[in-house]
Amino acid sequence: MARAKSGRAQQRHRQFSVRVSSSTFEGLERRVRELADSRNALAERYIAEGVKMDEHPDVYFREGAFGRRPAIMGTRLDVWQVIETVRNSDNSAEAAAEYLGVPVTRVRAAVRYYAANRDEVDAFATRAAAAAERAEAAWRAEQEILSA
């Protein structure tokens, strides 16, 4: 698959027409101006995330430094963080839930979302890990200078 400017894999697109209320359209236009994004891109994001949230009701999407990512309702935990914790807990949802201090149903919701959207979650986790490594390297360089 080819890569788009944003780094996302380009997908084939299909066109359809939809009628929305004036207030919905005005809200979309306002968000387009605020985010400096195209109407089509924003509407597609809203539809895609809405479908995923319908399929995974314990998941919501939030914005951050590395883009939008799925998180678990009622927590500030991203799906990738829960999956990493499950992996570090011998793939035990119960152990991960205890460690994270959340109900096991929330951990299982993250696992279900991950099972359906591995590429998306893994790509975000890779970006987050790379950023953490850069931040740690910068901190170590700073500490070296300060302790000299």
N, C-alpha and C. Protein backbone atom coordinates (compact mmCIF):
# COMPACT_ATOMS: atom_id res chain seq x y z
N MET A 1 0.82 -1.18 0.00
CA MET A 1 0.00 0.00 0.00
C MET A 1 0.86 1.25 0.00
N ALA A 2 0.49 2.22 -0.74
CA ALA A 2 1.24 3.48 -0.77
C ALA A 2 0.97 4.27 0.50
N ARG A 3 1.87 5.15 0.82
CA ARG A 3 1.73 5.98 2.02
C ARG A 3 1.26 7.37 1.63
N ALA A 4 0.34 7.89 2.38
CA ALA A 4 -0.13 9.26 2.18
C ALA A 4 0.83 10.20 2.90
N LYS A 5 0.67 11.50 2.69
CA LYS A 5 1.53 12.50 3.34
C LYS A 5 1.51 12.35 4.85
N SER A 6 0.37 12.00 5.41
CA SER A 6 0.23 11.90 6.86
C SER A 6 0.89 10.65 7.42
N GLY A 7 1.37 9.75 6.57
CA GLY A 7 1.99 8.53 7.04
C GLY A 7 1.01 7.37 7.11
N ARG A 8 -0.26 7.66 6.92
CA ARG A 8 -1.25 6.59 6.93
C ARG A 8 -1.25 5.88 5.58
N ALA A 9 -1.52 4.61 5.62
CA ALA A 9 -1.60 3.85 4.38
C ALA A 9 -2.79 4.36 3.58
N GLN A 10 -2.58 4.56 2.30
CA GLN A 10 -3.67 4.99 1.44
C GLN A 10 -4.59 3.81 1.20
N GLN A 11 -5.88 4.08 1.27
CA GLN A 11 -6.87 3.06 1.02
C GLN A 11 -7.72 3.50 -0.16
N ARG A 12 -8.33 2.53 -0.78
CA ARG A 12 -9.27 2.87 -1.84
C ARG A 12 -10.46 3.57 -1.21
N HIS A 13 -10.94 4.56 -1.85
CA HIS A 13 -12.08 5.31 -1.34
C HIS A 13 -13.30 5.08 -2.22
N ARG A 14 -14.45 5.14 -1.61
CA ARG A 14 -15.71 5.07 -2.31
C ARG A 14 -16.49 6.31 -1.95
N GLN A 15 -17.25 6.77 -2.87
CA GLN A 15 -17.98 8.01 -2.67
C GLN A 15 -19.45 7.71 -2.42
N PHE A 16 -20.05 8.50 -1.53
CA PHE A 16 -21.49 8.46 -1.34
C PHE A 16 -21.93 9.84 -0.89
N SER A 17 -23.20 10.07 -1.01
CA SER A 17 -23.75 11.37 -0.64
C SER A 17 -24.60 11.18 0.60
N VAL A 18 -24.56 12.16 1.47
CA VAL A 18 -25.33 12.07 2.70
C VAL A 18 -25.94 13.43 3.01
N ARG A 19 -27.15 13.41 3.51
CA ARG A 19 -27.81 14.65 3.93
C ARG A 19 -27.75 14.70 5.45
N VAL A 20 -27.36 15.85 5.96
CA VAL A 20 -27.30 16.05 7.41
C VAL A 20 -28.07 17.32 7.76
N SER A 21 -28.42 17.45 9.01
CA SER A 21 -29.12 18.66 9.45
C SER A 21 -28.18 19.86 9.30
N SER A 22 -28.79 21.03 9.24
CA SER A 22 -27.99 22.25 9.12
C SER A 22 -27.05 22.40 10.30
N SER A 23 -27.52 22.08 11.50
CA SER A 23 -26.65 22.24 12.68
C SER A 23 -25.48 21.26 12.64
N THR A 24 -25.71 20.05 12.14
CA THR A 24 -24.60 19.09 12.01
C THR A 24 -23.59 19.59 10.99
N PHE A 25 -24.07 20.08 9.87
CA PHE A 25 -23.18 20.60 8.83
C PHE A 25 -22.39 21.79 9.35
N GLU A 26 -23.05 22.71 10.05
CA GLU A 26 -22.37 23.88 10.60
C GLU A 26 -21.32 23.47 11.63
N GLY A 27 -21.65 22.46 12.44
CA GLY A 27 -20.67 21.95 13.41
C GLY A 27 -19.47 21.35 12.72
N LEU A 28 -19.69 20.61 11.65
CA LEU A 28 -18.59 20.03 10.88
C LEU A 28 -17.73 21.13 10.27
N GLU A 29 -18.36 22.13 9.69
CA GLU A 29 -17.61 23.23 9.09
C GLU A 29 -16.78 23.98 10.14
N ARG A 30 -17.35 24.18 11.34
CA ARG A 30 -16.61 24.83 12.42
C ARG A 30 -15.38 24.02 12.79
N ARG A 31 -15.53 22.71 12.93
CA ARG A 31 -14.40 21.85 13.27
C ARG A 31 -13.35 21.83 12.16
N VAL A 32 -13.79 21.88 10.91
CA VAL A 32 -12.86 21.94 9.78
C VAL A 32 -11.98 23.18 9.90
N ARG A 33 -12.60 24.32 10.21
CA ARG A 33 -11.82 25.55 10.38
C ARG A 33 -10.89 25.46 11.58
N GLU A 34 -11.38 24.93 12.69
CA GLU A 34 -10.57 24.85 13.91
C GLU A 34 -9.37 23.92 13.74
N LEU A 35 -9.58 22.82 13.04
CA LEU A 35 -8.52 21.82 12.89
C LEU A 35 -7.69 22.00 11.62
N ALA A 36 -8.11 22.92 10.76
CA ALA A 36 -7.43 23.14 9.47
C ALA A 36 -7.31 21.82 8.71
N ASP A 37 -8.40 21.11 8.65
CA ASP A 37 -8.46 19.83 7.95
C ASP A 37 -9.51 19.95 6.85
N SER A 38 -9.56 18.99 5.96
CA SER A 38 -10.58 19.04 4.92
C SER A 38 -11.89 18.46 5.45
N ARG A 39 -12.98 18.90 4.89
CA ARG A 39 -14.29 18.40 5.28
C ARG A 39 -14.36 16.89 5.07
N ASN A 40 -13.87 16.42 3.94
CA ASN A 40 -13.92 14.99 3.65
C ASN A 40 -13.11 14.18 4.65
N ALA A 41 -11.91 14.65 4.95
CA ALA A 41 -11.05 13.91 5.89
C ALA A 41 -11.68 13.86 7.28
N LEU A 42 -12.23 14.97 7.72
CA LEU A 42 -12.84 15.01 9.05
C LEU A 42 -14.10 14.15 9.10
N ALA A 43 -14.94 14.25 8.07
CA ALA A 43 -16.16 13.43 8.04
C ALA A 43 -15.80 11.94 8.00
N GLU A 44 -14.78 11.59 7.23
CA GLU A 44 -14.36 10.19 7.17
C GLU A 44 -13.86 9.72 8.54
N ARG A 45 -13.09 10.57 9.21
CA ARG A 45 -12.59 10.21 10.55
C ARG A 45 -13.76 10.00 11.51
N TYR A 46 -14.73 10.92 11.48
CA TYR A 46 -15.88 10.79 12.36
C TYR A 46 -16.66 9.50 12.08
N ILE A 47 -16.84 9.17 10.83
CA ILE A 47 -17.56 7.95 10.48
C ILE A 47 -16.77 6.72 10.91
N ALA A 48 -15.48 6.68 10.59
CA ALA A 48 -14.65 5.52 10.93
C ALA A 48 -14.59 5.31 12.44
N GLU A 49 -14.38 6.39 13.19
CA GLU A 49 -14.31 6.26 14.64
C GLU A 49 -15.68 5.91 15.22
N GLY A 50 -16.74 6.46 14.65
CA GLY A 50 -18.09 6.13 15.12
C GLY A 50 -18.40 4.66 14.93
N VAL A 51 -18.02 4.11 13.78
CA VAL A 51 -18.24 2.69 13.52
C VAL A 51 -17.46 1.85 14.53
N LYS A 52 -16.20 2.22 14.75
CA LYS A 52 -15.38 1.46 15.70
C LYS A 52 -15.95 1.56 17.12
N MET A 53 -16.45 2.73 17.50
CA MET A 53 -17.02 2.88 18.84
C MET A 53 -18.33 2.11 18.96
N ASP A 54 -19.11 2.01 17.88
CA ASP A 54 -20.30 1.17 17.91
C ASP A 54 -19.92 -0.30 18.10
N GLU A 55 -18.86 -0.72 17.42
CA GLU A 55 -18.42 -2.11 17.51
C GLU A 55 -17.70 -2.40 18.84
N HIS A 56 -17.11 -1.38 19.44
CA HIS A 56 -16.33 -1.51 20.68
C HIS A 56 -16.77 -0.41 21.65
N PRO A 57 -17.91 -0.59 22.31
CA PRO A 57 -18.49 0.49 23.12
C PRO A 57 -17.64 0.93 24.31
N ASP A 58 -16.65 0.16 24.71
CA ASP A 58 -15.79 0.56 25.82
C ASP A 58 -14.55 1.31 25.35
N VAL A 59 -14.52 1.69 24.08
CA VAL A 59 -13.37 2.39 23.51
C VAL A 59 -13.82 3.77 23.02
N TYR A 60 -12.98 4.76 23.25
CA TYR A 60 -13.20 6.09 22.68
C TYR A 60 -11.88 6.55 22.06
N PHE A 61 -11.90 7.65 21.36
CA PHE A 61 -10.70 8.15 20.69
C PHE A 61 -10.33 9.50 21.28
N ARG A 62 -9.02 9.70 21.46
CA ARG A 62 -8.56 10.97 22.00
C ARG A 62 -7.34 11.45 21.23
N GLU A 63 -7.17 12.75 21.28
CA GLU A 63 -6.09 13.42 20.55
C GLU A 63 -4.87 13.51 21.45
N GLY A 64 -3.70 13.46 20.84
CA GLY A 64 -2.47 13.63 21.59
C GLY A 64 -1.35 14.07 20.67
N ALA A 65 -0.17 14.15 21.22
CA ALA A 65 0.99 14.64 20.48
C ALA A 65 1.29 13.80 19.25
N PHE A 66 0.94 12.53 19.28
CA PHE A 66 1.26 11.64 18.16
C PHE A 66 0.03 11.27 17.34
N GLY A 67 -1.03 12.03 17.51
CA GLY A 67 -2.24 11.79 16.75
C GLY A 67 -3.34 11.17 17.59
N ARG A 68 -4.41 10.81 16.95
CA ARG A 68 -5.55 10.22 17.64
C ARG A 68 -5.28 8.75 17.91
N ARG A 69 -5.80 8.30 19.03
CA ARG A 69 -5.60 6.90 19.37
C ARG A 69 -6.77 6.40 20.21
N PRO A 70 -6.98 5.10 20.16
CA PRO A 70 -8.07 4.52 20.94
C PRO A 70 -7.67 4.37 22.40
N ALA A 71 -8.63 4.66 23.28
CA ALA A 71 -8.41 4.56 24.72
C ALA A 71 -9.61 3.85 25.33
N ILE A 72 -9.46 3.47 26.58
CA ILE A 72 -10.51 2.72 27.27
C ILE A 72 -11.40 3.67 28.06
N MET A 73 -12.70 3.55 27.86
CA MET A 73 -13.67 4.39 28.57
C MET A 73 -13.45 4.32 30.07
N GLY A 74 -13.63 5.45 30.71
CA GLY A 74 -13.53 5.51 32.16
C GLY A 74 -12.11 5.52 32.67
N THR A 75 -11.13 5.58 31.77
CA THR A 75 -9.73 5.60 32.16
C THR A 75 -8.99 6.59 31.27
N ARG A 76 -7.74 6.80 31.55
CA ARG A 76 -6.87 7.56 30.66
C ARG A 76 -5.89 6.62 29.98
N LEU A 77 -6.21 5.32 29.97
CA LEU A 77 -5.33 4.32 29.39
C LEU A 77 -5.60 4.15 27.90
N ASP A 78 -4.54 4.23 27.12
CA ASP A 78 -4.65 3.92 25.70
C ASP A 78 -4.69 2.41 25.52
N VAL A 79 -5.32 1.97 24.43
CA VAL A 79 -5.39 0.54 24.16
C VAL A 79 -4.00 -0.06 24.08
N TRP A 80 -3.05 0.64 23.45
CA TRP A 80 -1.70 0.07 23.31
C TRP A 80 -1.05 -0.13 24.67
N GLN A 81 -1.33 0.75 25.63
CA GLN A 81 -0.76 0.60 26.97
C GLN A 81 -1.33 -0.63 27.68
N VAL A 82 -2.62 -0.85 27.51
CA VAL A 82 -3.25 -2.02 28.13
C VAL A 82 -2.68 -3.29 27.51
N ILE A 83 -2.52 -3.30 26.19
CA ILE A 83 -1.98 -4.48 25.51
C ILE A 83 -0.56 -4.75 25.97
N GLU A 84 0.25 -3.70 26.09
CA GLU A 84 1.62 -3.87 26.58
C GLU A 84 1.62 -4.47 27.99
N THR A 85 0.71 -4.02 28.82
CA THR A 85 0.62 -4.54 30.18
C THR A 85 0.17 -5.99 30.18
N VAL A 86 -0.76 -6.34 29.32
CA VAL A 86 -1.19 -7.75 29.20
C VAL A 86 -0.01 -8.62 28.80
N ARG A 87 0.74 -8.17 27.81
CA ARG A 87 1.92 -8.94 27.37
C ARG A 87 2.94 -9.10 28.49
N ASN A 88 3.12 -8.05 29.29
CA ASN A 88 4.07 -8.10 30.41
C ASN A 88 3.52 -8.85 31.62
N SER A 89 2.28 -9.29 31.52
CA SER A 89 1.62 -10.04 32.60
C SER A 89 1.34 -11.47 32.17
N ASP A 90 2.24 -12.03 31.35
CA ASP A 90 2.07 -13.40 30.84
C ASP A 90 0.74 -13.59 30.14
N ASN A 91 0.30 -12.56 29.42
CA ASN A 91 -0.96 -12.58 28.66
C ASN A 91 -2.17 -12.85 29.54
N SER A 92 -2.10 -12.41 30.78
CA SER A 92 -3.22 -12.58 31.71
C SER A 92 -4.00 -11.27 31.82
N ALA A 93 -5.25 -11.30 31.37
CA ALA A 93 -6.11 -10.12 31.50
C ALA A 93 -6.35 -9.79 32.96
N GLU A 94 -6.49 -10.82 33.78
CA GLU A 94 -6.75 -10.61 35.21
C GLU A 94 -5.55 -9.93 35.89
N ALA A 95 -4.35 -10.41 35.62
CA ALA A 95 -3.15 -9.82 36.21
C ALA A 95 -2.96 -8.38 35.73
N ALA A 96 -3.20 -8.15 34.44
CA ALA A 96 -3.08 -6.80 33.90
C ALA A 96 -4.10 -5.87 34.55
N ALA A 97 -5.32 -6.34 34.73
CA ALA A 97 -6.37 -5.52 35.35
C ALA A 97 -5.98 -5.16 36.78
N GLU A 98 -5.44 -6.13 37.50
CA GLU A 98 -5.03 -5.86 38.88
C GLU A 98 -3.90 -4.83 38.90
N TYR A 99 -2.91 -4.99 38.03
CA TYR A 99 -1.79 -4.06 37.97
C TYR A 99 -2.26 -2.64 37.61
N LEU A 100 -3.17 -2.55 36.64
CA LEU A 100 -3.65 -1.24 36.17
C LEU A 100 -4.71 -0.64 37.08
N GLY A 101 -5.28 -1.45 37.96
CA GLY A 101 -6.32 -0.96 38.85
C GLY A 101 -7.63 -0.69 38.14
N VAL A 102 -7.94 -1.51 37.14
CA VAL A 102 -9.19 -1.37 36.39
C VAL A 102 -9.90 -2.71 36.37
N PRO A 103 -11.21 -2.70 36.13
CA PRO A 103 -11.93 -3.97 36.03
C PRO A 103 -11.41 -4.81 34.86
N VAL A 104 -11.44 -6.10 35.00
CA VAL A 104 -10.96 -6.99 33.94
C VAL A 104 -11.78 -6.79 32.66
N THR A 105 -13.03 -6.35 32.78
CA THR A 105 -13.84 -6.10 31.59
C THR A 105 -13.23 -5.01 30.72
N ARG A 106 -12.57 -4.04 31.33
CA ARG A 106 -11.91 -2.97 30.56
C ARG A 106 -10.69 -3.52 29.82
N VAL A 107 -9.94 -4.39 30.47
CA VAL A 107 -8.78 -5.01 29.82
C VAL A 107 -9.25 -5.87 28.66
N ARG A 108 -10.30 -6.64 28.86
CA ARG A 108 -10.82 -7.48 27.78
C ARG A 108 -11.34 -6.64 26.62
N ALA A 109 -11.91 -5.48 26.92
CA ALA A 109 -12.36 -4.58 25.86
C ALA A 109 -11.18 -4.12 25.02
N ALA A 110 -10.06 -3.81 25.67
CA ALA A 110 -8.85 -3.39 24.95
C ALA A 110 -8.33 -4.54 24.09
N VAL A 111 -8.35 -5.75 24.62
CA VAL A 111 -7.88 -6.92 23.87
C VAL A 111 -8.78 -7.16 22.66
N ARG A 112 -10.10 -7.02 22.83
CA ARG A 112 -11.02 -7.20 21.69
C ARG A 112 -10.75 -6.15 20.62
N TYR A 113 -10.56 -4.89 21.04
CA TYR A 113 -10.28 -3.83 20.07
C TYR A 113 -8.97 -4.13 19.35
N TYR A 114 -7.97 -4.54 20.10
CA TYR A 114 -6.67 -4.84 19.50
C TYR A 114 -6.78 -5.99 18.50
N ALA A 115 -7.54 -7.00 18.85
CA ALA A 115 -7.69 -8.15 17.95
C ALA A 115 -8.28 -7.71 16.60
N ALA A 116 -9.13 -6.71 16.61
CA ALA A 116 -9.76 -6.24 15.38
C ALA A 116 -8.96 -5.15 14.66
N ASN A 117 -8.00 -4.53 15.36
CA ASN A 117 -7.30 -3.36 14.80
C ASN A 117 -5.81 -3.37 15.14
N ARG A 118 -5.16 -4.51 14.99
CA ARG A 118 -3.75 -4.66 15.38
C ARG A 118 -2.83 -3.66 14.71
N ASP A 119 -2.94 -3.51 13.40
CA ASP A 119 -2.02 -2.63 12.68
C ASP A 119 -2.09 -1.20 13.20
N GLU A 120 -3.30 -0.70 13.41
CA GLU A 120 -3.49 0.67 13.92
C GLU A 120 -2.85 0.83 15.30
N VAL A 121 -3.13 -0.10 16.20
CA VAL A 121 -2.61 -0.01 17.57
C VAL A 121 -1.10 -0.18 17.59
N ASP A 122 -0.58 -1.14 16.84
CA ASP A 122 0.87 -1.37 16.81
C ASP A 122 1.61 -0.17 16.23
N ALA A 123 1.05 0.46 15.21
CA ALA A 123 1.70 1.63 14.60
C ALA A 123 1.78 2.77 15.61
N PHE A 124 0.72 2.99 16.36
CA PHE A 124 0.76 4.05 17.36
C PHE A 124 1.75 3.71 18.46
N ALA A 125 1.75 2.47 18.91
CA ALA A 125 2.68 2.06 19.98
C ALA A 125 4.13 2.24 19.54
N THR A 126 4.42 1.95 18.29
CA THR A 126 5.77 2.13 17.76
C THR A 126 6.18 3.60 17.79
N ARG A 127 5.27 4.49 17.38
CA ARG A 127 5.56 5.93 17.42
C ARG A 127 5.76 6.41 18.85
N ALA A 128 4.93 5.94 19.76
CA ALA A 128 5.05 6.35 21.17
C ALA A 128 6.36 5.86 21.77
N ALA A 129 6.76 4.63 21.46
CA ALA A 129 8.01 4.08 22.00
C ALA A 129 9.21 4.86 21.46
N ALA A 130 9.19 5.20 20.17
CA ALA A 130 10.29 5.96 19.58
C ALA A 130 10.40 7.33 20.23
N ALA A 131 9.28 7.97 20.49
CA ALA A 131 9.29 9.29 21.14
C ALA A 131 9.82 9.18 22.56
N ALA A 132 9.44 8.12 23.27
CA ALA A 132 9.92 7.93 24.64
C ALA A 132 11.43 7.71 24.64
N GLU A 133 11.94 6.97 23.67
CA GLU A 133 13.39 6.75 23.57
C GLU A 133 14.12 8.06 23.30
N ARG A 134 13.58 8.89 22.42
CA ARG A 134 14.20 10.20 22.14
C ARG A 134 14.18 11.08 23.38
N ALA A 135 13.08 11.07 24.10
CA ALA A 135 12.98 11.89 25.32
C ALA A 135 13.97 11.41 26.37
N GLU A 136 14.12 10.11 26.51
CA GLU A 136 15.07 9.59 27.48
C GLU A 136 16.50 9.95 27.09
N ALA A 137 16.84 9.85 25.81
CA ALA A 137 18.18 10.20 25.34
C ALA A 137 18.47 11.68 25.61
N ALA A 138 17.48 12.53 25.38
CA ALA A 138 17.66 13.96 25.65
C ALA A 138 17.86 14.20 27.14
N TRP A 139 17.09 13.52 27.98
CA TRP A 139 17.23 13.66 29.42
C TRP A 139 18.61 13.20 29.89
N ARG A 140 19.07 12.06 29.36
CA ARG A 140 20.40 11.55 29.74
C ARG A 140 21.50 12.53 29.32
N ALA A 141 21.38 13.11 28.13
CA ALA A 141 22.37 14.10 27.68
C ALA A 141 22.35 15.32 28.59
N GLU A 142 21.18 15.74 28.99
CA GLU A 142 21.05 16.87 29.90
C GLU A 142 21.70 16.55 31.25
N GLN A 143 21.44 15.36 31.77
CA GLN A 143 22.00 14.95 33.06
C GLN A 143 23.51 14.88 33.00
N GLU A 144 24.03 14.43 31.86
CA GLU A 144 25.49 14.36 31.69
C GLU A 144 26.11 15.75 31.78
N ILE A 145 25.46 16.71 31.15
CA ILE A 145 25.98 18.08 31.19
C ILE A 145 25.86 18.66 32.58
N LEU A 146 24.75 18.42 33.25
CA LEU A 146 24.52 18.99 34.58
C LEU A 146 25.40 18.37 35.65
N SER A 147 25.82 17.13 35.47
CA SER A 147 26.63 16.47 36.48
C SER A 147 28.13 16.60 36.20
N ALA A 148 28.49 17.28 35.13
CA ALA A 148 29.91 17.43 34.79
C ALA A 148 30.58 18.50 35.62
